[in-house]
Protein backbone atom coordinates (compact mmCIF):
# COMPACT_ATOMS: atom_id res chain seq x y z
CA MET A 1 11.15 -49.50 45.84
CA SER A 2 10.95 -46.28 47.85
CA GLU A 3 8.45 -43.59 46.99
CA ARG A 4 9.61 -40.03 46.54
CA GLU A 5 7.73 -37.41 48.47
CA ARG A 6 5.80 -35.16 46.14
CA ARG A 7 7.04 -31.57 46.17
CA ASN A 8 4.96 -28.59 45.18
CA PHE A 9 6.70 -25.65 43.57
CA SER A 10 5.09 -22.21 43.49
CA PRO A 11 4.60 -20.49 40.13
CA GLN A 12 7.42 -18.12 41.12
CA ASP A 13 9.77 -21.06 41.77
CA LYS A 14 8.91 -22.62 38.42
CA ALA A 15 9.48 -19.32 36.58
CA ARG A 16 12.79 -18.79 38.38
CA MET A 17 13.99 -22.30 37.47
CA LEU A 18 12.97 -21.91 33.83
CA GLN A 19 14.70 -18.52 33.62
CA GLU A 20 17.82 -19.95 35.22
CA HIS A 21 17.89 -22.83 32.73
CA LEU A 22 17.31 -20.57 29.72
CA LEU A 23 19.83 -17.91 30.76
CA GLU A 24 22.61 -20.29 31.80
CA LYS A 25 22.02 -22.54 28.75
CA LYS A 26 22.62 -25.71 30.73
CA PRO A 27 21.34 -28.99 29.30
CA ILE A 28 17.96 -29.91 30.77
CA SER A 29 19.32 -33.22 32.08
CA GLN A 30 22.09 -31.47 34.02
CA PHE A 31 19.76 -28.78 35.35
CA CYS A 32 17.19 -31.38 36.49
CA GLU A 33 19.82 -33.49 38.17
CA GLU A 34 21.13 -30.48 40.12
CA ASN A 35 17.58 -29.53 41.20
CA SER A 36 16.29 -33.09 41.80
CA LEU A 37 13.58 -32.84 39.13
CA TYR A 38 12.29 -35.31 36.61
CA VAL A 39 13.06 -34.20 33.06
CA THR A 40 9.45 -34.77 32.01
CA VAL A 41 8.18 -32.45 34.76
CA PHE A 42 10.59 -29.72 33.71
CA GLN A 43 9.65 -30.15 30.03
CA ARG A 44 5.96 -29.84 30.96
CA TRP A 45 6.68 -26.53 32.73
CA GLN A 46 8.65 -25.32 29.73
CA GLN A 47 5.86 -26.30 27.32
CA ARG A 48 3.29 -24.49 29.44
CA LEU A 49 5.51 -21.38 29.51
CA PHE A 50 5.85 -21.30 25.73
CA GLU A 51 2.17 -22.02 25.10
CA ASN A 52 1.10 -19.13 27.35
CA SER A 53 3.87 -16.65 26.59
CA ALA A 54 1.75 -14.62 24.13
CA SER A 55 -0.49 -13.48 27.00
CA ALA A 56 2.40 -11.39 28.32
CA PHE A 57 2.02 -9.11 25.30
CA ILE A 58 -1.76 -8.61 25.37
CA PRO A 59 -2.59 -5.06 26.46
CA ASN A 60 -4.53 -4.59 29.69
CA GLU A 61 -3.79 -8.08 30.93
CA TYR A 62 -2.07 -6.66 33.96
CA PRO A 63 -4.30 -5.45 36.80
CA GLU A 64 -4.28 -1.78 37.58
CA PRO A 65 -2.01 -0.91 40.49
CA PRO A 66 -4.00 -0.39 43.64
CA VAL A 67 -4.94 3.19 44.43
CA MET A 68 -4.07 4.08 47.96
CA PRO A 69 -6.85 5.98 49.73
CA PRO A 70 -5.83 9.33 51.18
CA LYS A 71 -4.63 9.14 54.74
CA THR A 72 -7.31 10.08 57.19
CA LEU A 73 -6.51 12.02 60.28
CA GLY A 74 -7.80 10.85 63.62
CA SER A 75 -10.95 12.18 65.33
CA GLY A 76 -11.64 15.64 64.01
CA ALA A 77 -8.05 16.77 63.43
CA LYS A 78 -7.67 19.28 60.65
CA PRO A 79 -4.99 18.84 58.01
CA GLN A 80 -2.11 21.25 58.34
CA SER A 81 -0.73 23.26 55.50
CA GLU A 82 2.87 22.83 54.44
CA THR A 83 3.67 26.29 55.85
CA GLN A 84 2.30 25.33 59.28
CA LEU A 85 4.34 22.13 59.25
CA ASN A 86 7.51 24.03 58.28
CA GLN A 87 6.95 26.56 61.09
CA LYS A 88 6.56 23.76 63.65
CA THR A 89 9.72 22.07 62.36
CA GLU A 90 11.70 25.35 62.60
CA LYS A 91 10.48 25.93 66.15
CA SER A 92 11.45 22.45 67.27
CA ILE A 93 14.91 22.81 65.69
CA SER A 94 15.60 26.19 67.30
CA ARG A 95 14.90 24.87 70.83
């Protein structure tokens, strides 16, 4: 009897497969056959999804988006005003 090599799916892969199954409404057996999965593995993923689905609706569960620090200008350069930038752009266009 030959052993199958164990495959590791990322959480994103598992979510994509579960979404695909649920949206296309294919029987689990057909979906697993097409994706070379054991039915019991797929059912375990599905059970875990349903058991943890309530956490998607808990406020503040999502991390705050990262705040980008203001861009720093190199070695002692002073920031230019928008007017100064527009004047430089006009000069370079008129040349």
